[in-house]
Amino acid sequence: MSVKPTVVGDEIEELEELDDFSIDDDIDARPDRSSFIPSVLSPYLVLYFPSKKKKNDSRSSIKKSQDQETSYNMTFENVGKCIIINNKHFKSCTEMGERHGTDKDAEALVKCFRNLGFQVTVHNDCTCAKMETVLKTVSEEDHKNSACFVCIILSHGDQGSIYGTDGLTSIKELAAHFRGDRCKTLLEKPKLFFIQACQGTEFDDGVQADSGSFSETDAQPHYKVPVEADFLFAYSTVPGYYSWRNPGTGSWFIQSLCTVLNEHGKSLELMQLLTRVNYRVARHYQSCTDSPDFNEKKQMPCIVSMLTKELYFPK
């Protein structure tokens, strides 16, 4: 039986065909809206550029040396910590609705990042002050035996901001605790932030397509590193737009992220992984509702990278 959901909040939830019961759709920042259903899956398209064949073994050793210079060192005792902030219930003063389906995202993320070797901790229904405290406390810990750090926030949001259960706070200020001048034990290590939340109130209508580093610097005993270096922010949607979430199965972005990481997380480089996530969200999902204002809407994730090397999760 096909079910038409409703939408709530600033991140919009989507529905698939369900039997014997129905679940309303939501968005993560505004009052109730309409509903939708994910579209038919499509195969991935991958672009490869041709490379020259190796002529001898010396080429192989040179490439190995280059890889060490251009890839993050992941051979630490620990892969790192993964902090998940899962905000589902909000105080009435925020006028934000309950984020049905977010527990599905949190559950999938825990399994996914534990499989990648991370130490995962979940914090549910955090106020702005609690989010600040959690991340500040983690940033002050000793990460010298860790290869990287991951923070995932599931909540309502607006452009550049994220909702605690009691109001809005700045994403930049939360991430700033891990800057190179504040969290020294993560200096020159990747800090990854995944944000499932709306970044505004626009809808993406989509458009019909046809079928068809210097070694001299590294050698110096003392050198400066930009304090904003080695961050990556992967947003569920581009600035200004709503983000969709399914109350029965979770959000488009997080479920796509977990699917790609589960399948290829230990073989592909991070930007390759996130490009596949982008493709999956862009091609596999589309809203479906009786309301023309909310029907056939699309979503495009957004990657903002300050990483300075390639990142491969350890096998």
C-alpha atoms as a PDB file:
ATOM      1  CA  MET A   1       0.000   0.000   0.000  1.00  0.00           C
ATOM      2  CA  SER A   2       1.452   3.356  -0.987  1.00  0.00           C
ATOM      3  CA  VAL A   3       1.404   5.949   1.792  1.00  0.00           C
ATOM      4  CA  LYS A   4       1.548   9.733   1.455  1.00  0.00           C
ATOM      5  CA  PRO A   5       3.422  11.335   4.380  1.00  0.00           C
ATOM      6  CA  THR A   6       3.497  14.896   5.711  1.00  0.00           C
ATOM      7  CA  VAL A   7       6.463  17.183   6.219  1.00  0.00           C
ATOM      8  CA  VAL A   8       7.680  18.903   9.391  1.00  0.00           C
ATOM      9  CA  GLY A   9      10.759  20.929  10.355  1.00  0.00           C
ATOM     10  CA  ASP A  10      13.757  22.156   8.335  1.00  0.00           C
ATOM     11  CA  GLU A  11      14.852  18.779   7.109  1.00  0.00           C
ATOM     12  CA  ILE A  12      12.172  16.977   5.156  1.00  0.00           C
ATOM     13  CA  GLU A  13      11.528  13.315   5.700  1.00  0.00           C
ATOM     14  CA  GLU A  14      10.597  10.944   2.902  1.00  0.00           C
ATOM     15  CA  LEU A  15       8.560   7.753   2.713  1.00  0.00           C
ATOM     16  CA  GLU A  16       8.773   4.565   0.740  1.00  0.00           C
ATOM     17  CA  GLU A  17       5.908   2.176   0.023  1.00  0.00           C
ATOM     18  CA  LEU A  18       4.804   0.599   3.307  1.00  0.00           C
ATOM     19  CA  ASP A  19       2.306  -2.139   4.073  1.00  0.00           C
ATOM     20  CA  ASP A  20      -0.362  -2.015   6.802  1.00  0.00           C
ATOM     21  CA  PHE A  21       0.808   1.242   8.428  1.00  0.00           C
ATOM     22  CA  SER A  22       1.735   4.834   7.624  1.00  0.00           C
ATOM     23  CA  ILE A  23       4.308   7.336   8.876  1.00  0.00           C
ATOM     24  CA  ASP A  24       4.242  11.094   8.339  1.00  0.00           C
ATOM     25  CA  ASP A  25       7.203  12.815   6.662  1.00  0.00           C
ATOM     26  CA  ASP A  26       9.076  15.668   8.344  1.00  0.00           C
ATOM     27  CA  ILE A  27      11.646  18.365   7.628  1.00  0.00           C
ATOM     28  CA  ASP A  28      14.188  19.618  10.150  1.00  0.00           C
ATOM     29  CA  ALA A  29      13.335  23.304  10.638  1.00  0.00           C
ATOM     30  CA  ARG A  30       9.785  24.275   9.817  1.00  0.00           C
ATOM     31  CA  PRO A  31       6.170  23.312  10.673  1.00  0.00           C
ATOM     32  CA  ASP A  32       4.269  20.445   8.977  1.00  0.00           C
ATOM     33  CA  ARG A  33       4.562  20.100   5.208  1.00  0.00           C
ATOM     34  CA  SER A  34       3.800  17.409   2.612  1.00  0.00           C
ATOM     35  CA  SER A  35       5.355  14.047   1.730  1.00  0.00           C
ATOM     36  CA  PHE A  36       7.417  12.024  -0.694  1.00  0.00           C
ATOM     37  CA  ILE A  37       8.723   8.664  -1.902  1.00  0.00           C
ATOM     38  CA  PRO A  38      12.261   7.730  -3.047  1.00  0.00           C
ATOM     39  CA  SER A  39      12.759   7.108  -6.734  1.00  0.00           C
ATOM     40  CA  VAL A  40      14.061   4.048  -8.546  1.00  0.00           C
ATOM     41  CA  LEU A  41      17.755   3.277  -7.990  1.00  0.00           C
ATOM     42  CA  SER A  42      20.268   3.875 -10.778  1.00  0.00           C
ATOM     43  CA  PRO A  43      23.770   2.433 -11.270  1.00  0.00           C
ATOM     44  CA  TYR A  44      26.830   4.503 -10.367  1.00  0.00           C
ATOM     45  CA  LEU A  45      28.769   6.361 -13.027  1.00  0.00           C
ATOM     46  CA  VAL A  46      32.508   6.489 -12.369  1.00  0.00           C
ATOM     47  CA  LEU A  47      35.000   8.567 -14.325  1.00  0.00           C
ATOM     48  CA  TYR A  48      38.551   7.236 -14.624  1.00  0.00           C
ATOM     49  CA  PHE A  49      41.399   9.064 -16.338  1.00  0.00           C
ATOM     50  CA  PRO A  50      43.981   6.871 -18.112  1.00  0.00           C
ATOM     51  CA  SER A  51      47.367   6.479 -16.467  1.00  0.00           C
ATOM     52  CA  LYS A  52      50.713   5.449 -17.888  1.00  0.00           C
ATOM     53  CA  LYS A  53      51.836   1.873 -17.394  1.00  0.00           C
ATOM     54  CA  LYS A  54      54.707   1.269 -14.999  1.00  0.00           C
ATOM     55  CA  LYS A  55      57.915   0.531 -16.855  1.00  0.00           C
ATOM     56  CA  ASN A  56      59.873  -0.973 -13.980  1.00  0.00           C
ATOM     57  CA  ASP A  57      59.892  -1.670 -10.242  1.00  0.00           C
ATOM     58  CA  SER A  58      61.574   1.648  -9.458  1.00  0.00           C
ATOM     59  CA  ARG A  59      58.395   3.443 -10.570  1.00  0.00           C
ATOM     60  CA  SER A  60      56.485   1.416  -7.988  1.00  0.00           C
ATOM     61  CA  SER A  61      58.809   2.413  -5.149  1.00  0.00           C
ATOM     62  CA  ILE A  62      58.609   6.064  -6.200  1.00  0.00           C
ATOM     63  CA  LYS A  63      54.805   5.901  -6.189  1.00  0.00           C
ATOM     64  CA  LYS A  64      54.850   4.360  -2.709  1.00  0.00           C
ATOM     65  CA  SER A  65      56.986   7.246  -1.465  1.00  0.00           C
ATOM     66  CA  GLN A  66      54.666   9.759  -3.097  1.00  0.00           C
ATOM     67  CA  ASP A  67      51.639   8.081  -1.505  1.00  0.00           C
ATOM     68  CA  GLN A  68      53.181   8.564   1.927  1.00  0.00           C
ATOM     69  CA  GLU A  69      53.551  12.273   1.208  1.00  0.00           C
ATOM     70  CA  THR A  70      50.066  12.759  -0.233  1.00  0.00           C
ATOM     71  CA  SER A  71      47.973  10.477   2.016  1.00  0.00           C
ATOM     72  CA  TYR A  72      47.162  10.874   5.698  1.00  0.00           C
ATOM     73  CA  ASN A  73      48.964   8.477   8.014  1.00  0.00           C
ATOM     74  CA  MET A  74      46.289   6.119   9.345  1.00  0.00           C
ATOM     75  CA  THR A  75      48.652   3.637  11.000  1.00  0.00           C
ATOM     76  CA  PHE A  76      48.002   4.831  14.545  1.00  0.00           C
ATOM     77  CA  GLU A  77      47.005   2.678  17.503  1.00  0.00           C
ATOM     78  CA  ASN A  78      43.399   3.901  17.126  1.00  0.00           C
ATOM     79  CA  VAL A  79      41.445   5.057  14.084  1.00  0.00           C
ATOM     80  CA  GLY A  80      39.847   7.744  16.267  1.00  0.00           C
ATOM     81  CA  LYS A  81      36.704   8.870  18.014  1.00  0.00           C
ATOM     82  CA  CYS A  82      33.331   9.334  16.347  1.00  0.00           C
ATOM     83  CA  ILE A  83      30.901  11.587  18.200  1.00  0.00           C
ATOM     84  CA  ILE A  84      27.247  11.415  17.127  1.00  0.00           C
ATOM     85  CA  ILE A  85      24.849  14.121  18.328  1.00  0.00           C
ATOM     86  CA  ASN A  86      21.301  12.917  17.717  1.00  0.00           C
ATOM     87  CA  ASN A  87      18.671  15.571  18.390  1.00  0.00           C
ATOM     88  CA  LYS A  88      15.125  14.265  18.114  1.00  0.00           C
ATOM     89  CA  HIS A  89      12.962  16.219  20.585  1.00  0.00           C
ATOM     90  CA  PHE A  90      12.938  20.019  20.800  1.00  0.00           C
ATOM     91  CA  LYS A  91      11.579  22.515  23.283  1.00  0.00           C
ATOM     92  CA  SER A  92       8.417  24.375  22.293  1.00  0.00           C
ATOM     93  CA  CYS A  93      10.294  27.685  22.198  1.00  0.00           C
ATOM     94  CA  THR A  94      12.175  26.498  19.094  1.00  0.00           C
ATOM     95  CA  GLU A  95       8.970  25.723  17.166  1.00  0.00           C
ATOM     96  CA  MET A  96      10.783  22.678  15.803  1.00  0.00           C
ATOM     97  CA  GLY A  97       8.973  19.366  15.317  1.00  0.00           C
ATOM     98  CA  GLU A  98      10.087  15.948  16.481  1.00  0.00           C
ATOM     99  CA  ARG A  99      12.571  14.383  14.055  1.00  0.00           C
ATOM    100  CA  HIS A 100      11.001  10.983  13.432  1.00  0.00           C
ATOM    101  CA  GLY A 101      13.446   8.588  11.800  1.00  0.00           C
ATOM    102  CA  THR A 102      16.615  10.134  13.222  1.00  0.00           C
ATOM    103  CA  ASP A 103      17.158   7.070  15.444  1.00  0.00           C
ATOM    104  CA  LYS A 104      17.398   4.994  12.251  1.00  0.00           C
ATOM    105  CA  ASP A 105      20.225   7.264  11.132  1.00  0.00           C
ATOM    106  CA  ALA A 106      22.002   7.048  14.494  1.00  0.00           C
ATOM    107  CA  GLU A 107      21.719   3.259  14.540  1.00  0.00           C
ATOM    108  CA  ALA A 108      23.110   2.939  11.010  1.00  0.00           C
ATOM    109  CA  LEU A 109      25.964   5.342  11.785  1.00  0.00           C
ATOM    110  CA  VAL A 110      27.009   3.471  14.925  1.00  0.00           C
ATOM    111  CA  LYS A 111      27.306   0.193  13.010  1.00  0.00           C
ATOM    112  CA  CYS A 112      29.010   1.824  10.041  1.00  0.00           C
ATOM    113  CA  PHE A 113      31.719   3.738  11.912  1.00  0.00           C
ATOM    114  CA  ARG A 114      32.401   0.916  14.357  1.00  0.00           C
ATOM    115  CA  ASN A 115      33.002  -1.278  11.331  1.00  0.00           C
ATOM    116  CA  LEU A 116      35.563   1.295  10.147  1.00  0.00           C
ATOM    117  CA  GLY A 117      37.319   0.981  13.511  1.00  0.00           C
ATOM    118  CA  PHE A 118      36.087   4.125  15.278  1.00  0.00           C
ATOM    119  CA  GLN A 119      35.214   4.421  18.950  1.00  0.00           C
ATOM    120  CA  VAL A 120      31.622   5.647  18.664  1.00  0.00           C
ATOM    121  CA  THR A 121      29.683   7.620  21.277  1.00  0.00           C
ATOM    122  CA  VAL A 122      26.095   8.844  20.864  1.00  0.00           C
ATOM    123  CA  HIS A 123      24.681  11.896  22.667  1.00  0.00           C
ATOM    124  CA  ASN A 124      20.895  12.214  22.416  1.00  0.00           C
ATOM    125  CA  ASP A 125      18.800  15.411  22.631  1.00  0.00           C
ATOM    126  CA  CYS A 126      21.559  17.914  23.395  1.00  0.00           C
ATOM    127  CA  THR A 127      20.970  21.564  24.207  1.00  0.00           C
ATOM    128  CA  CYS A 128      23.266  24.121  22.590  1.00  0.00           C
ATOM    129  CA  ALA A 129      25.318  24.238  25.787  1.00  0.00           C
ATOM    130  CA  LYS A 130      25.547  20.430  25.899  1.00  0.00           C
ATOM    131  CA  MET A 131      26.779  20.232  22.306  1.00  0.00           C
ATOM    132  CA  GLU A 132      29.394  22.851  23.133  1.00  0.00           C
ATOM    133  CA  THR A 133      30.479  20.980  26.259  1.00  0.00           C
ATOM    134  CA  VAL A 134      30.637  17.592  24.548  1.00  0.00           C
ATOM    135  CA  LEU A 135      32.845  18.804  21.695  1.00  0.00           C
ATOM    136  CA  LYS A 136      35.034  21.030  23.873  1.00  0.00           C
ATOM    137  CA  THR A 137      35.661  18.116  26.242  1.00  0.00           C
ATOM    138  CA  VAL A 138      36.596  15.786  23.395  1.00  0.00           C
ATOM    139  CA  SER A 139      38.893  18.401  21.858  1.00  0.00           C
ATOM    140  CA  GLU A 140      40.799  18.650  25.142  1.00  0.00           C
ATOM    141  CA  GLU A 141      41.469  14.910  25.246  1.00  0.00           C
ATOM    142  CA  ASP A 142      44.738  13.349  24.094  1.00  0.00           C
ATOM    143  CA  HIS A 143      44.416  12.167  20.476  1.00  0.00           C
ATOM    144  CA  LYS A 144      48.099  11.467  19.876  1.00  0.00           C
ATOM    145  CA  ASN A 145      47.407   7.745  19.330  1.00  0.00           C
ATOM    146  CA  SER A 146      44.459   8.437  16.990  1.00  0.00           C
ATOM    147  CA  ALA A 147      44.545   8.875  13.223  1.00  0.00           C
ATOM    148  CA  CYS A 148      41.562  11.217  12.882  1.00  0.00           C
ATOM    149  CA  PHE A 149      38.314  12.512  14.399  1.00  0.00           C
ATOM    150  CA  VAL A 150      34.685  12.366  13.246  1.00  0.00           C
ATOM    151  CA  CYS A 151      31.666  14.363  14.433  1.00  0.00           C
ATOM    152  CA  ILE A 152      28.166  13.723  13.085  1.00  0.00           C
ATOM    153  CA  ILE A 153      25.251  16.030  13.956  1.00  0.00           C
ATOM    154  CA  LEU A 154      21.654  15.025  13.261  1.00  0.00           C
ATOM    155  CA  SER A 155      19.257  17.874  13.918  1.00  0.00           C
ATOM    156  CA  HIS A 156      17.189  20.742  12.565  1.00  0.00           C
ATOM    157  CA  GLY A 157      19.237  23.561  11.101  1.00  0.00           C
ATOM    158  CA  ASP A 158      19.606  26.701   9.061  1.00  0.00           C
ATOM    159  CA  GLN A 159      22.412  28.044   6.913  1.00  0.00           C
ATOM    160  CA  GLY A 160      25.609  27.862   8.985  1.00  0.00           C
ATOM    161  CA  SER A 161      23.691  26.917  12.128  1.00  0.00           C
ATOM    162  CA  ILE A 162      22.436  23.807  13.895  1.00  0.00           C
ATOM    163  CA  TYR A 163      19.657  23.399  16.424  1.00  0.00           C
ATOM    164  CA  GLY A 164      20.201  22.191  19.945  1.00  0.00           C
ATOM    165  CA  THR A 165      17.015  21.163  21.695  1.00  0.00           C
ATOM    166  CA  ASP A 166      16.666  24.746  22.971  1.00  0.00           C
ATOM    167  CA  GLY A 167      17.775  26.898  20.019  1.00  0.00           C
ATOM    168  CA  LEU A 168      20.334  27.632  17.296  1.00  0.00           C
ATOM    169  CA  THR A 169      24.113  27.593  17.556  1.00  0.00           C
ATOM    170  CA  SER A 170      26.933  28.103  15.047  1.00  0.00           C
ATOM    171  CA  ILE A 171      28.439  25.059  13.332  1.00  0.00           C
ATOM    172  CA  LYS A 172      31.710  26.947  12.888  1.00  0.00           C
ATOM    173  CA  GLU A 173      31.957  27.668  16.612  1.00  0.00           C
ATOM    174  CA  LEU A 174      31.353  24.009  17.477  1.00  0.00           C
ATOM    175  CA  ALA A 175      34.035  22.859  15.050  1.00  0.00           C
ATOM    176  CA  ALA A 176      36.483  25.574  16.155  1.00  0.00           C
ATOM    177  CA  HIS A 177      37.422  23.540  19.243  1.00  0.00           C
ATOM    178  CA  PHE A 178      39.375  21.249  16.911  1.00  0.00           C
ATOM    179  CA  ARG A 179      41.383  23.957  15.154  1.00  0.00           C
ATOM    180  CA  GLY A 180      45.100  23.372  14.934  1.00  0.00           C
ATOM    181  CA  ASP A 181      45.865  26.005  17.568  1.00  0.00           C
ATOM    182  CA  ARG A 182      43.370  24.557  20.065  1.00  0.00           C
ATOM    183  CA  CYS A 183      43.551  20.789  19.637  1.00  0.00           C
ATOM    184  CA  LYS A 184      47.261  20.125  19.204  1.00  0.00           C
ATOM    185  CA  THR A 185      47.034  16.307  19.277  1.00  0.00           C
ATOM    186  CA  LEU A 186      44.869  16.383  16.124  1.00  0.00           C
ATOM    187  CA  LEU A 187      47.174  18.802  14.306  1.00  0.00           C
ATOM    188  CA  GLU A 188      47.707  17.694  10.694  1.00  0.00           C
ATOM    189  CA  LYS A 189      45.126  14.930  11.165  1.00  0.00           C
ATOM    190  CA  PRO A 190      41.735  14.858   9.421  1.00  0.00           C
ATOM    191  CA  LYS A 191      38.725  16.260  11.301  1.00  0.00           C
ATOM    192  CA  LEU A 192      35.513  15.163   9.579  1.00  0.00           C
ATOM    193  CA  PHE A 193      32.096  16.721  10.249  1.00  0.00           C
ATOM    194  CA  PHE A 194      28.904  15.280   8.757  1.00  0.00           C
ATOM    195  CA  ILE A 195      25.831  17.504   9.128  1.00  0.00           C
ATOM    196  CA  GLN A 196      22.314  16.155   8.572  1.00  0.00           C
ATOM    197  CA  ALA A 197      20.127  19.264   8.761  1.00  0.00           C
ATOM    198  CA  CYS A 198      18.493  21.883   6.579  1.00  0.00           C
ATOM    199  CA  GLN A 199      20.478  24.901   5.454  1.00  0.00           C
ATOM    200  CA  GLY A 200      17.492  27.049   4.543  1.00  0.00           C
ATOM    201  CA  THR A 201      13.936  26.861   3.227  1.00  0.00           C
ATOM    202  CA  GLU A 202      14.369  26.506  -0.533  1.00  0.00           C
ATOM    203  CA  PHE A 203      13.325  23.418  -2.478  1.00  0.00           C
ATOM    204  CA  ASP A 204      15.400  21.937  -5.290  1.00  0.00           C
ATOM    205  CA  ASP A 205      12.968  21.407  -8.179  1.00  0.00           C
ATOM    206  CA  GLY A 206      15.548  19.571 -10.238  1.00  0.00           C
ATOM    207  CA  VAL A 207      15.733  19.802 -14.026  1.00  0.00           C
ATOM    208  CA  GLN A 208      14.894  17.232 -16.675  1.00  0.00           C
ATOM    209  CA  ALA A 209      18.042  15.696 -18.153  1.00  0.00           C
ATOM    210  CA  ASP A 210      18.451  13.783 -21.416  1.00  0.00           C
ATOM    211  CA  SER A 211      18.614   9.984 -21.112  1.00  0.00           C
ATOM    212  CA  GLY A 212      21.702   9.580 -21.637  1.00  0.00           C
ATOM    213  CA  SER A 213      53.047  20.222  -0.839  1.00  0.00           C
ATOM    214  CA  PHE A 214      56.617  21.241  -1.333  1.00  0.00           C
ATOM    215  CA  SER A 215      59.174  18.748  -0.039  1.00  0.00           C
ATOM    216  CA  GLU A 216      61.502  21.628   0.830  1.00  0.00           C
ATOM    217  CA  THR A 217      58.940  22.928   3.314  1.00  0.00           C
ATOM    218  CA  ASP A 218      58.250  19.475   4.744  1.00  0.00           C
ATOM    219  CA  ALA A 219      61.947  18.995   5.349  1.00  0.00           C
ATOM    220  CA  GLN A 220      62.178  22.034   7.589  1.00  0.00           C
ATOM    221  CA  PRO A 221      62.241  21.278  11.331  1.00  0.00           C
ATOM    222  CA  HIS A 222      59.718  24.083  12.010  1.00  0.00           C
ATOM    223  CA  TYR A 223      56.892  25.138   9.740  1.00  0.00           C
ATOM    224  CA  LYS A 224      53.445  26.597  10.123  1.00  0.00           C
ATOM    225  CA  VAL A 225      50.154  24.829   9.434  1.00  0.00           C
ATOM    226  CA  PRO A 226      46.932  26.824   8.845  1.00  0.00           C
ATOM    227  CA  VAL A 227      44.674  26.459  11.878  1.00  0.00           C
ATOM    228  CA  GLU A 228      41.724  25.736   9.571  1.00  0.00           C
ATOM    229  CA  ALA A 229      43.597  22.984   7.704  1.00  0.00           C
ATOM    230  CA  ASP A 230      42.564  19.320   7.617  1.00  0.00           C
ATOM    231  CA  PHE A 231      38.830  19.871   8.172  1.00  0.00           C
ATOM    232  CA  LEU A 232      36.072  18.436   6.029  1.00  0.00           C
ATOM    233  CA  PHE A 233      32.382  19.360   6.272  1.00  0.00           C
ATOM    234  CA  ALA A 234      29.901  17.134   4.453  1.00  0.00           C
ATOM    235  CA  TYR A 235      26.440  18.723   4.522  1.00  0.00           C
ATOM    236  CA  SER A 236      23.271  16.855   3.609  1.00  0.00           C
ATOM    237  CA  THR A 237      22.224  19.739   1.358  1.00  0.00           C
ATOM    238  CA  VAL A 238      23.645  22.875  -0.242  1.00  0.00           C
ATOM    239  CA  PRO A 239      23.299  26.271   1.499  1.00  0.00           C
ATOM    240  CA  GLY A 240      19.787  27.661   1.392  1.00  0.00           C
ATOM    241  CA  TYR A 241      17.912  24.387   0.897  1.00  0.00           C
ATOM    242  CA  TYR A 242      15.762  21.921   2.794  1.00  0.00           C
ATOM    243  CA  SER A 243      17.076  18.452   3.626  1.00  0.00           C
ATOM    244  CA  TRP A 244      14.846  15.372   3.402  1.00  0.00           C
ATOM    245  CA  ARG A 245      14.406  12.626   5.996  1.00  0.00           C
ATOM    246  CA  ASN A 246      12.278   9.469   6.025  1.00  0.00           C
ATOM    247  CA  PRO A 247      10.613   8.711   9.393  1.00  0.00           C
ATOM    248  CA  GLY A 248      10.573   5.002   8.550  1.00  0.00           C
ATOM    249  CA  THR A 249      14.078   4.517   7.154  1.00  0.00           C
ATOM    250  CA  GLY A 250      16.107   7.627   7.989  1.00  0.00           C
ATOM    251  CA  SER A 251      17.452  10.562   5.983  1.00  0.00           C
ATOM    252  CA  TRP A 252      18.482  10.396   2.336  1.00  0.00           C
ATOM    253  CA  PHE A 253      22.000  11.660   3.075  1.00  0.00           C
ATOM    254  CA  ILE A 254      22.896   9.598   6.142  1.00  0.00           C
ATOM    255  CA  GLN A 255      21.472   6.364   4.751  1.00  0.00           C
ATOM    256  CA  SER A 256      23.368   6.933   1.494  1.00  0.00           C
ATOM    257  CA  LEU A 257      26.553   7.719   3.431  1.00  0.00           C
ATOM    258  CA  CYS A 258      26.286   4.498   5.441  1.00  0.00           C
ATOM    259  CA  THR A 259      25.517   2.433   2.344  1.00  0.00           C
ATOM    260  CA  VAL A 260      28.571   3.737   0.488  1.00  0.00           C
ATOM    261  CA  LEU A 261      30.889   3.433   3.506  1.00  0.00           C
ATOM    262  CA  ASN A 262      29.708  -0.104   4.223  1.00  0.00           C
ATOM    263  CA  GLU A 263      30.362  -1.140   0.628  1.00  0.00           C
ATOM    264  CA  HIS A 264      33.533   0.791  -0.212  1.00  0.00           C
ATOM    265  CA  GLY A 265      34.768   2.466   2.995  1.00  0.00           C
ATOM    266  CA  LYS A 266      37.945   0.393   3.230  1.00  0.00           C
ATOM    267  CA  SER A 267      38.903   0.556  -0.423  1.00  0.00           C
ATOM    268  CA  LEU A 268      38.159   4.015  -1.876  1.00  0.00           C
ATOM    269  CA  GLU A 269      39.573   7.447  -0.985  1.00  0.00           C
ATOM    270  CA  LEU A 270      37.251   9.696   1.034  1.00  0.00           C
ATOM    271  CA  MET A 271      36.428  12.123  -1.782  1.00  0.00           C
ATOM    272  CA  GLN A 272      35.572   9.193  -4.032  1.00  0.00           C
ATOM    273  CA  LEU A 273      33.270   7.894  -1.305  1.00  0.00           C
ATOM    274  CA  LEU A 274      31.545  11.235  -0.847  1.00  0.00           C
ATOM    275  CA  THR A 275      31.172  11.710  -4.594  1.00  0.00           C
ATOM    276  CA  ARG A 276      29.297   8.414  -4.678  1.00  0.00           C
ATOM    277  CA  VAL A 277      27.145   9.617  -1.788  1.00  0.00           C
ATOM    278  CA  ASN A 278      26.388  12.774  -3.784  1.00  0.00           C
ATOM    279  CA  TYR A 279      25.400  10.675  -6.783  1.00  0.00           C
ATOM    280  CA  ARG A 280      23.205   8.377  -4.737  1.00  0.00           C
ATOM    281  CA  VAL A 281      21.279  11.211  -3.093  1.00  0.00           C
ATOM    282  CA  ALA A 282      20.973  13.174  -6.348  1.00  0.00           C
ATOM    283  CA  ARG A 283      19.807  10.243  -8.489  1.00  0.00           C
ATOM    284  CA  HIS A 284      18.095   7.743  -6.183  1.00  0.00           C
ATOM    285  CA  TYR A 285      15.684  10.034  -4.356  1.00  0.00           C
ATOM    286  CA  GLN A 286      12.797  12.321  -5.278  1.00  0.00           C
ATOM    287  CA  SER A 287       9.830  13.545  -3.260  1.00  0.00           C
ATOM    288  CA  CYS A 288       6.323  12.410  -4.137  1.00  0.00           C
ATOM    289  CA  THR A 289       3.208  14.150  -2.798  1.00  0.00           C
ATOM    290  CA  ASP A 290      -0.245  15.296  -3.888  1.00  0.00           C
ATOM    291  CA  SER A 291       0.807  18.892  -3.219  1.00  0.00           C
ATOM    292  CA  PRO A 292       2.460  20.421  -6.306  1.00  0.00           C
ATOM    293  CA  ASP A 293       4.533  22.697  -4.042  1.00  0.00           C
ATOM    294  CA  PHE A 294       6.340  19.691  -2.548  1.00  0.00           C
ATOM    295  CA  ASN A 295       6.171  17.131  -5.335  1.00  0.00           C
ATOM    296  CA  GLU A 296       9.192  15.817  -7.265  1.00  0.00           C
ATOM    297  CA  LYS A 297      11.769  17.711  -5.212  1.00  0.00           C
ATOM    298  CA  LYS A 298      15.443  16.777  -5.245  1.00  0.00           C
ATOM    299  CA  GLN A 299      18.403  17.183  -2.894  1.00  0.00           C
ATOM    300  CA  MET A 300      22.110  17.807  -3.455  1.00  0.00           C
ATOM    301  CA  PRO A 301      24.663  17.214  -0.660  1.00  0.00           C
ATOM    302  CA  CYS A 302      27.551  19.640  -0.302  1.00  0.00           C
ATOM    303  CA  ILE A 303      31.211  18.881   0.480  1.00  0.00           C
ATOM    304  CA  VAL A 304      33.456  21.612   1.871  1.00  0.00           C
ATOM    305  CA  SER A 305      37.005  20.310   2.173  1.00  0.00           C
ATOM    306  CA  MET A 306      40.095  21.800   3.743  1.00  0.00           C
ATOM    307  CA  LEU A 307      41.860  18.438   3.738  1.00  0.00           C
ATOM    308  CA  THR A 308      45.478  18.596   2.624  1.00  0.00           C
ATOM    309  CA  LYS A 309      45.981  14.923   1.777  1.00  0.00           C
ATOM    310  CA  GLU A 310      44.039  11.942   0.552  1.00  0.00           C
ATOM    311  CA  LEU A 311      42.286   9.876   3.198  1.00  0.00           C
ATOM    312  CA  TYR A 312      41.926   6.099   3.115  1.00  0.00           C
ATOM    313  CA  PHE A 313      40.342   4.388   6.108  1.00  0.00           C
ATOM    314  CA  PRO A 314      42.529   1.493   7.317  1.00  0.00           C
ATOM    315  CA  LYS A 315      41.719  -2.040   6.179  1.00  0.00           C
END
